[in-house]
């Protein structure tokens, strides 16, 4: 497990950081071409769940490694934070493949970052979490559900607040302007359910995989 962690964690973090840094100027360029200011283009970039979740993956792998004793390092290095990131990045990949891939056809460098954000990072981080990261200890169900739900719920609240101000939403299935708040809430609740189911499924897989990868106890 130690050797897997040394390989998978920095590889996944590097891939995520590179894709985020490459995509940012592309998004700014596209926004300015549409007549937006640079500030609006940057704000739009950080309105996407894909971007924020890839950033979360990069942070939970990077900050605890470089600043383990800092407040951010302790929070992002907590098993629940890493578990949340694992479920969320899988939601990114699955939701994109099922709901958005037919609607978005990037070309050039953007096509590469699109594949990285929606397929490569989800696969790499799921593998990293299942094989190499410490698992959360068993405990009461409701506190774990609350902790796992905090990130997607906060994102949905942010979308509603942002949409009320700018009048647009990054994803059609949570577009409160077109669907109404109740319609958007219903879809968001469905995605939250998928997020929680994936979290528990991943944990079950990880427990079995790590038990098999653990070294056998030394003979007396």
C-alpha atoms as a PDB file:
ATOM      1  CA  UNK A   1       0.000   0.000   0.000  1.00  0.00           C
ATOM      2  CA  UNK A   2       2.821   2.405   0.763  1.00  0.00           C
ATOM      3  CA  UNK A   3       4.327   2.016  -2.703  1.00  0.00           C
ATOM      4  CA  UNK A   4       0.909   2.411  -4.332  1.00  0.00           C
ATOM      5  CA  UNK A   5       0.300   5.583  -2.350  1.00  0.00           C
ATOM      6  CA  UNK A   6       3.672   7.011  -3.340  1.00  0.00           C
ATOM      7  CA  UNK A   7       2.850   6.437  -7.009  1.00  0.00           C
ATOM      8  CA  UNK A   8      -0.889   7.019  -7.377  1.00  0.00           C
ATOM      9  CA  UNK A   9      -1.412  10.069  -5.159  1.00  0.00           C
ATOM     10  CA  UNK A  10       1.183  12.391  -6.769  1.00  0.00           C
ATOM     11  CA  UNK A  11       0.310  11.137 -10.255  1.00  0.00           C
ATOM     12  CA  UNK A  12      -3.396  11.862  -9.781  1.00  0.00           C
ATOM     13  CA  UNK A  13      -2.732  15.251  -8.191  1.00  0.00           C
ATOM     14  CA  UNK A  14      -0.366  16.260 -10.994  1.00  0.00           C
ATOM     15  CA  UNK A  15      -2.813  15.254 -13.723  1.00  0.00           C
ATOM     16  CA  UNK A  16      -5.630  17.201 -12.047  1.00  0.00           C
ATOM     17  CA  UNK A  17      -3.526  20.341 -11.465  1.00  0.00           C
ATOM     18  CA  UNK A  18      -2.204  20.383 -15.028  1.00  0.00           C
ATOM     19  CA  UNK A  19      -5.691  20.033 -16.506  1.00  0.00           C
ATOM     20  CA  UNK A  20      -7.060  22.792 -14.250  1.00  0.00           C
ATOM     21  CA  UNK A  21      -4.243  25.171 -15.137  1.00  0.00           C
ATOM     22  CA  UNK A  22      -4.505  24.441 -18.854  1.00  0.00           C
ATOM     23  CA  UNK A  23      -8.282  24.851 -18.932  1.00  0.00           C
ATOM     24  CA  UNK A  24      -8.384  28.175 -17.052  1.00  0.00           C
ATOM     25  CA  UNK A  25      -6.909  30.354 -19.854  1.00  0.00           C
ATOM     26  CA  UNK A  26      -9.018  28.469 -22.402  1.00  0.00           C
ATOM     27  CA  UNK A  27     -12.152  29.310 -20.432  1.00  0.00           C
ATOM     28  CA  UNK A  28     -11.090  32.936 -20.027  1.00  0.00           C
ATOM     29  CA  UNK A  29     -10.406  33.181 -23.757  1.00  0.00           C
ATOM     30  CA  UNK A  30     -13.802  31.699 -24.564  1.00  0.00           C
ATOM     31  CA  UNK A  31     -15.572  34.003 -22.130  1.00  0.00           C
ATOM     32  CA  UNK A  32     -13.879  37.128 -23.465  1.00  0.00           C
ATOM     33  CA  UNK A  33     -14.750  36.040 -27.012  1.00  0.00           C
ATOM     34  CA  UNK A  34     -18.417  35.947 -25.939  1.00  0.00           C
ATOM     35  CA  UNK A  35     -18.139  39.476 -24.583  1.00  0.00           C
ATOM     36  CA  UNK A  36     -17.602  38.693 -20.899  1.00  0.00           C
ATOM     37  CA  UNK A  37     -15.039  40.383 -18.719  1.00  0.00           C
ATOM     38  CA  UNK A  38     -12.054  38.390 -17.497  1.00  0.00           C
ATOM     39  CA  UNK A  39     -13.500  38.460 -13.980  1.00  0.00           C
ATOM     40  CA  UNK A  40     -16.833  37.051 -15.213  1.00  0.00           C
ATOM     41  CA  UNK A  41     -15.033  34.367 -17.221  1.00  0.00           C
ATOM     42  CA  UNK A  42     -13.041  33.310 -14.148  1.00  0.00           C
ATOM     43  CA  UNK A  43     -16.214  33.281 -12.031  1.00  0.00           C
ATOM     44  CA  UNK A  44     -17.946  31.135 -14.654  1.00  0.00           C
ATOM     45  CA  UNK A  45     -14.971  28.748 -14.689  1.00  0.00           C
ATOM     46  CA  UNK A  46     -15.392  28.155 -10.967  1.00  0.00           C
ATOM     47  CA  UNK A  47     -19.158  27.662 -11.283  1.00  0.00           C
ATOM     48  CA  UNK A  48     -18.793  24.177 -12.768  1.00  0.00           C
ATOM     49  CA  UNK A  49     -19.035  21.144 -10.508  1.00  0.00           C
ATOM     50  CA  UNK A  50     -16.492  19.459 -12.776  1.00  0.00           C
ATOM     51  CA  UNK A  51     -13.895  22.142 -12.124  1.00  0.00           C
ATOM     52  CA  UNK A  52     -14.556  22.434  -8.408  1.00  0.00           C
ATOM     53  CA  UNK A  53     -14.491  18.673  -7.884  1.00  0.00           C
ATOM     54  CA  UNK A  54     -11.272  18.202  -9.847  1.00  0.00           C
ATOM     55  CA  UNK A  55      -9.871  21.028  -7.719  1.00  0.00           C
ATOM     56  CA  UNK A  56     -11.078  19.236  -4.573  1.00  0.00           C
ATOM     57  CA  UNK A  57      -9.302  16.060  -5.685  1.00  0.00           C
ATOM     58  CA  UNK A  58      -6.103  18.007  -6.337  1.00  0.00           C
ATOM     59  CA  UNK A  59      -6.325  19.704  -2.933  1.00  0.00           C
ATOM     60  CA  UNK A  60      -7.026  16.592  -0.841  1.00  0.00           C
ATOM     61  CA  UNK A  61      -3.991  14.927  -2.406  1.00  0.00           C
ATOM     62  CA  UNK A  62      -1.676  17.939  -2.302  1.00  0.00           C
ATOM     63  CA  UNK A  63      -2.278  20.033   0.810  1.00  0.00           C
ATOM     64  CA  UNK A  64      -1.956  17.205   3.385  1.00  0.00           C
ATOM     65  CA  UNK A  65       1.262  16.110   1.654  1.00  0.00           C
ATOM     66  CA  UNK A  66       2.934  19.540   1.660  1.00  0.00           C
ATOM     67  CA  UNK A  67       1.416  21.032   4.848  1.00  0.00           C
ATOM     68  CA  UNK A  68       0.154  18.153   6.995  1.00  0.00           C
ATOM     69  CA  UNK A  69       0.109  20.141  10.247  1.00  0.00           C
ATOM     70  CA  UNK A  70      -1.781  23.146   8.863  1.00  0.00           C
ATOM     71  CA  UNK A  71      -5.511  23.577   9.470  1.00  0.00           C
ATOM     72  CA  UNK A  72      -6.193  23.045   5.759  1.00  0.00           C
ATOM     73  CA  UNK A  73      -3.958  19.982   5.740  1.00  0.00           C
ATOM     74  CA  UNK A  74      -5.825  18.424   8.647  1.00  0.00           C
ATOM     75  CA  UNK A  75      -9.257  19.129   7.130  1.00  0.00           C
ATOM     76  CA  UNK A  76      -8.387  18.037   3.588  1.00  0.00           C
ATOM     77  CA  UNK A  77      -6.429  15.045   4.837  1.00  0.00           C
ATOM     78  CA  UNK A  78      -9.353  13.755   6.885  1.00  0.00           C
ATOM     79  CA  UNK A  79     -10.710  10.438   5.654  1.00  0.00           C
ATOM     80  CA  UNK A  80     -14.208  11.910   5.234  1.00  0.00           C
ATOM     81  CA  UNK A  81     -12.918  14.706   2.979  1.00  0.00           C
ATOM     82  CA  UNK A  82     -11.110  12.220   0.770  1.00  0.00           C
ATOM     83  CA  UNK A  83     -14.144   9.925   0.759  1.00  0.00           C
ATOM     84  CA  UNK A  84     -16.377  12.831  -0.304  1.00  0.00           C
ATOM     85  CA  UNK A  85     -13.969  13.686  -3.111  1.00  0.00           C
ATOM     86  CA  UNK A  86     -13.995  10.080  -4.326  1.00  0.00           C
ATOM     87  CA  UNK A  87     -17.787   9.917  -4.569  1.00  0.00           C
ATOM     88  CA  UNK A  88     -18.053  13.409  -6.068  1.00  0.00           C
ATOM     89  CA  UNK A  89     -15.496  12.822  -8.821  1.00  0.00           C
ATOM     90  CA  UNK A  90     -17.302   9.628  -9.837  1.00  0.00           C
ATOM     91  CA  UNK A  91     -20.554  11.609 -10.043  1.00  0.00           C
ATOM     92  CA  UNK A  92     -18.702  14.016 -12.346  1.00  0.00           C
ATOM     93  CA  UNK A  93     -17.701  11.208 -14.685  1.00  0.00           C
ATOM     94  CA  UNK A  94     -21.032   9.381 -14.650  1.00  0.00           C
ATOM     95  CA  UNK A  95     -23.235  12.488 -14.977  1.00  0.00           C
ATOM     96  CA  UNK A  96     -21.096  13.833 -17.804  1.00  0.00           C
ATOM     97  CA  UNK A  97     -21.162  10.554 -19.713  1.00  0.00           C
ATOM     98  CA  UNK A  98     -24.908  10.046 -19.348  1.00  0.00           C
ATOM     99  CA  UNK A  99     -26.231  13.610 -19.497  1.00  0.00           C
ATOM    100  CA  UNK A 100     -23.730  15.951 -21.099  1.00  0.00           C
ATOM    101  CA  UNK A 101     -21.296  14.171 -23.413  1.00  0.00           C
ATOM    102  CA  UNK A 102     -23.655  14.410 -26.407  1.00  0.00           C
ATOM    103  CA  UNK A 103     -24.138  18.141 -25.843  1.00  0.00           C
ATOM    104  CA  UNK A 104     -20.499  19.198 -25.601  1.00  0.00           C
ATOM    105  CA  UNK A 105     -18.005  18.543 -28.378  1.00  0.00           C
ATOM    106  CA  UNK A 106     -14.753  20.383 -27.643  1.00  0.00           C
ATOM    107  CA  UNK A 107     -11.826  20.346 -30.018  1.00  0.00           C
ATOM    108  CA  UNK A 108      -8.076  20.706 -29.688  1.00  0.00           C
ATOM    109  CA  UNK A 109      -6.616  21.156 -26.229  1.00  0.00           C
ATOM    110  CA  UNK A 110     -10.097  21.561 -24.738  1.00  0.00           C
ATOM    111  CA  UNK A 111     -10.950  18.051 -25.921  1.00  0.00           C
ATOM    112  CA  UNK A 112      -7.964  16.724 -24.004  1.00  0.00           C
ATOM    113  CA  UNK A 113      -8.854  18.534 -20.772  1.00  0.00           C
ATOM    114  CA  UNK A 114     -12.435  17.358 -21.219  1.00  0.00           C
ATOM    115  CA  UNK A 115     -11.263  13.737 -21.228  1.00  0.00           C
ATOM    116  CA  UNK A 116      -8.973  14.345 -18.267  1.00  0.00           C
ATOM    117  CA  UNK A 117     -11.630  16.044 -16.119  1.00  0.00           C
ATOM    118  CA  UNK A 118     -14.433  13.594 -16.820  1.00  0.00           C
ATOM    119  CA  UNK A 119     -12.691  10.262 -17.311  1.00  0.00           C
ATOM    120  CA  UNK A 120      -9.010  10.160 -16.388  1.00  0.00           C
ATOM    121  CA  UNK A 121      -9.100  11.955 -13.027  1.00  0.00           C
ATOM    122  CA  UNK A 122     -12.231  10.076 -11.872  1.00  0.00           C
ATOM    123  CA  UNK A 123     -10.596   6.752 -12.755  1.00  0.00           C
ATOM    124  CA  UNK A 124      -7.236   7.645 -11.219  1.00  0.00           C
ATOM    125  CA  UNK A 125      -8.657   9.054  -8.003  1.00  0.00           C
ATOM    126  CA  UNK A 126     -11.109   6.190  -7.530  1.00  0.00           C
ATOM    127  CA  UNK A 127      -8.178   3.796  -7.936  1.00  0.00           C
ATOM    128  CA  UNK A 128      -6.076   5.872  -5.548  1.00  0.00           C
ATOM    129  CA  UNK A 129      -8.807   5.962  -2.897  1.00  0.00           C
ATOM    130  CA  UNK A 130      -9.739   2.317  -3.189  1.00  0.00           C
ATOM    131  CA  UNK A 131      -6.167   1.018  -3.154  1.00  0.00           C
ATOM    132  CA  UNK A 132      -4.012   3.477  -1.295  1.00  0.00           C
ATOM    133  CA  UNK A 133      -5.791   5.983   0.975  1.00  0.00           C
ATOM    134  CA  UNK A 134      -6.816   5.399   4.602  1.00  0.00           C
ATOM    135  CA  UNK A 135     -10.501   4.535   4.880  1.00  0.00           C
ATOM    136  CA  UNK A 136     -12.892   6.237   7.295  1.00  0.00           C
ATOM    137  CA  UNK A 137     -13.515   4.277  10.436  1.00  0.00           C
ATOM    138  CA  UNK A 138     -16.944   2.805  11.007  1.00  0.00           C
ATOM    139  CA  UNK A 139     -19.238   4.996  13.048  1.00  0.00           C
ATOM    140  CA  UNK A 140     -22.838   6.237  13.326  1.00  0.00           C
ATOM    141  CA  UNK A 141     -24.625   6.486   9.964  1.00  0.00           C
ATOM    142  CA  UNK A 142     -26.150   9.950  10.193  1.00  0.00           C
ATOM    143  CA  UNK A 143     -22.981  11.946  10.933  1.00  0.00           C
ATOM    144  CA  UNK A 144     -21.262  10.223   7.986  1.00  0.00           C
ATOM    145  CA  UNK A 145     -24.229  10.997   5.717  1.00  0.00           C
ATOM    146  CA  UNK A 146     -24.132  14.625   6.809  1.00  0.00           C
ATOM    147  CA  UNK A 147     -20.400  14.950   6.191  1.00  0.00           C
ATOM    148  CA  UNK A 148     -20.627  13.298   2.777  1.00  0.00           C
ATOM    149  CA  UNK A 149     -23.580  15.486   1.781  1.00  0.00           C
ATOM    150  CA  UNK A 150     -21.999  18.793   2.783  1.00  0.00           C
ATOM    151  CA  UNK A 151     -20.064  19.404  -0.445  1.00  0.00           C
ATOM    152  CA  UNK A 152     -22.839  18.669  -3.007  1.00  0.00           C
ATOM    153  CA  UNK A 153     -25.434  20.497  -0.885  1.00  0.00           C
ATOM    154  CA  UNK A 154     -23.184  23.547  -0.571  1.00  0.00           C
ATOM    155  CA  UNK A 155     -22.619  23.502  -4.344  1.00  0.00           C
ATOM    156  CA  UNK A 156     -26.352  23.424  -5.067  1.00  0.00           C
ATOM    157  CA  UNK A 157     -26.961  26.324  -2.660  1.00  0.00           C
ATOM    158  CA  UNK A 158     -24.177  28.244  -4.413  1.00  0.00           C
ATOM    159  CA  UNK A 159     -25.758  27.542  -7.819  1.00  0.00           C
ATOM    160  CA  UNK A 160     -29.124  28.865  -6.682  1.00  0.00           C
ATOM    161  CA  UNK A 161     -27.579  32.024  -5.242  1.00  0.00           C
ATOM    162  CA  UNK A 162     -25.379  32.587  -8.293  1.00  0.00           C
ATOM    163  CA  UNK A 163     -28.235  31.913 -10.701  1.00  0.00           C
ATOM    164  CA  UNK A 164     -30.458  34.407  -8.912  1.00  0.00           C
ATOM    165  CA  UNK A 165     -27.780  37.070  -9.472  1.00  0.00           C
ATOM    166  CA  UNK A 166     -26.523  36.331 -13.002  1.00  0.00           C
ATOM    167  CA  UNK A 167     -29.590  34.584 -14.416  1.00  0.00           C
ATOM    168  CA  UNK A 168     -27.788  31.529 -15.765  1.00  0.00           C
ATOM    169  CA  UNK A 169     -26.908  28.017 -14.598  1.00  0.00           C
ATOM    170  CA  UNK A 170     -24.007  25.823 -15.731  1.00  0.00           C
ATOM    171  CA  UNK A 171     -26.090  22.639 -16.075  1.00  0.00           C
ATOM    172  CA  UNK A 172     -29.547  22.222 -17.604  1.00  0.00           C
ATOM    173  CA  UNK A 173     -30.676  19.680 -15.001  1.00  0.00           C
ATOM    174  CA  UNK A 174     -30.263  22.185 -12.151  1.00  0.00           C
ATOM    175  CA  UNK A 175     -31.459  25.245 -14.086  1.00  0.00           C
ATOM    176  CA  UNK A 176     -33.893  26.763 -11.601  1.00  0.00           C
ATOM    177  CA  UNK A 177     -34.831  29.399 -14.176  1.00  0.00           C
ATOM    178  CA  UNK A 178     -36.150  26.806 -16.618  1.00  0.00           C
ATOM    179  CA  UNK A 179     -37.219  24.048 -14.229  1.00  0.00           C
ATOM    180  CA  UNK A 180     -38.245  26.100 -11.229  1.00  0.00           C
ATOM    181  CA  UNK A 181     -36.577  25.761  -7.857  1.00  0.00           C
ATOM    182  CA  UNK A 182     -38.534  22.601  -7.035  1.00  0.00           C
ATOM    183  CA  UNK A 183     -37.594  20.951 -10.323  1.00  0.00           C
ATOM    184  CA  UNK A 184     -33.939  21.807  -9.874  1.00  0.00           C
ATOM    185  CA  UNK A 185     -34.091  20.638  -6.259  1.00  0.00           C
ATOM    186  CA  UNK A 186     -35.606  17.305  -7.286  1.00  0.00           C
ATOM    187  CA  UNK A 187     -32.803  16.680  -9.783  1.00  0.00           C
ATOM    188  CA  UNK A 188     -30.161  17.775  -7.287  1.00  0.00           C
ATOM    189  CA  UNK A 189     -31.643  15.402  -4.715  1.00  0.00           C
ATOM    190  CA  UNK A 190     -31.360  12.553  -7.213  1.00  0.00           C
ATOM    191  CA  UNK A 191     -27.704  13.365  -7.829  1.00  0.00           C
ATOM    192  CA  UNK A 192     -27.112  13.526  -4.073  1.00  0.00           C
ATOM    193  CA  UNK A 193     -28.605  10.050  -3.731  1.00  0.00           C
ATOM    194  CA  UNK A 194     -26.244   8.795  -6.442  1.00  0.00           C
ATOM    195  CA  UNK A 195     -23.344  10.491  -4.640  1.00  0.00           C
ATOM    196  CA  UNK A 196     -24.172   8.722  -1.355  1.00  0.00           C
ATOM    197  CA  UNK A 197     -24.715   5.336  -2.999  1.00  0.00           C
ATOM    198  CA  UNK A 198     -21.384   5.621  -4.791  1.00  0.00           C
ATOM    199  CA  UNK A 199     -19.690   6.578  -1.532  1.00  0.00           C
ATOM    200  CA  UNK A 200     -20.925   3.445   0.242  1.00  0.00           C
ATOM    201  CA  UNK A 201     -20.199   1.256  -2.760  1.00  0.00           C
ATOM    202  CA  UNK A 202     -16.658   2.599  -2.999  1.00  0.00           C
ATOM    203  CA  UNK A 203     -16.084   2.004   0.679  1.00  0.00           C
ATOM    204  CA  UNK A 204     -17.163  -1.605   0.356  1.00  0.00           C
ATOM    205  CA  UNK A 205     -14.871  -2.138  -2.628  1.00  0.00           C
ATOM    206  CA  UNK A 206     -11.974  -0.384  -0.889  1.00  0.00           C
ATOM    207  CA  UNK A 207     -12.293  -2.511   2.241  1.00  0.00           C
ATOM    208  CA  UNK A 208     -12.042  -5.686   0.196  1.00  0.00           C
ATOM    209  CA  UNK A 209      -9.198  -4.442  -2.009  1.00  0.00           C
ATOM    210  CA  UNK A 210      -7.097  -3.111   0.856  1.00  0.00           C
ATOM    211  CA  UNK A 211      -7.624  -6.291   2.857  1.00  0.00           C
ATOM    212  CA  UNK A 212      -6.212  -8.265  -0.089  1.00  0.00           C
ATOM    213  CA  UNK A 213      -3.319  -5.841  -0.595  1.00  0.00           C
ATOM    214  CA  UNK A 214      -2.347  -5.725   3.080  1.00  0.00           C
ATOM    215  CA  UNK A 215       0.846  -7.687   3.826  1.00  0.00           C
ATOM    216  CA  UNK A 216       0.339 -10.978   5.564  1.00  0.00           C
ATOM    217  CA  UNK A 217       1.367 -11.028   9.242  1.00  0.00           C
ATOM    218  CA  UNK A 218       4.826 -12.391   9.851  1.00  0.00           C
ATOM    219  CA  UNK A 219       5.037 -15.971  10.982  1.00  0.00           C
ATOM    220  CA  UNK A 220       5.990 -16.400  14.669  1.00  0.00           C
END
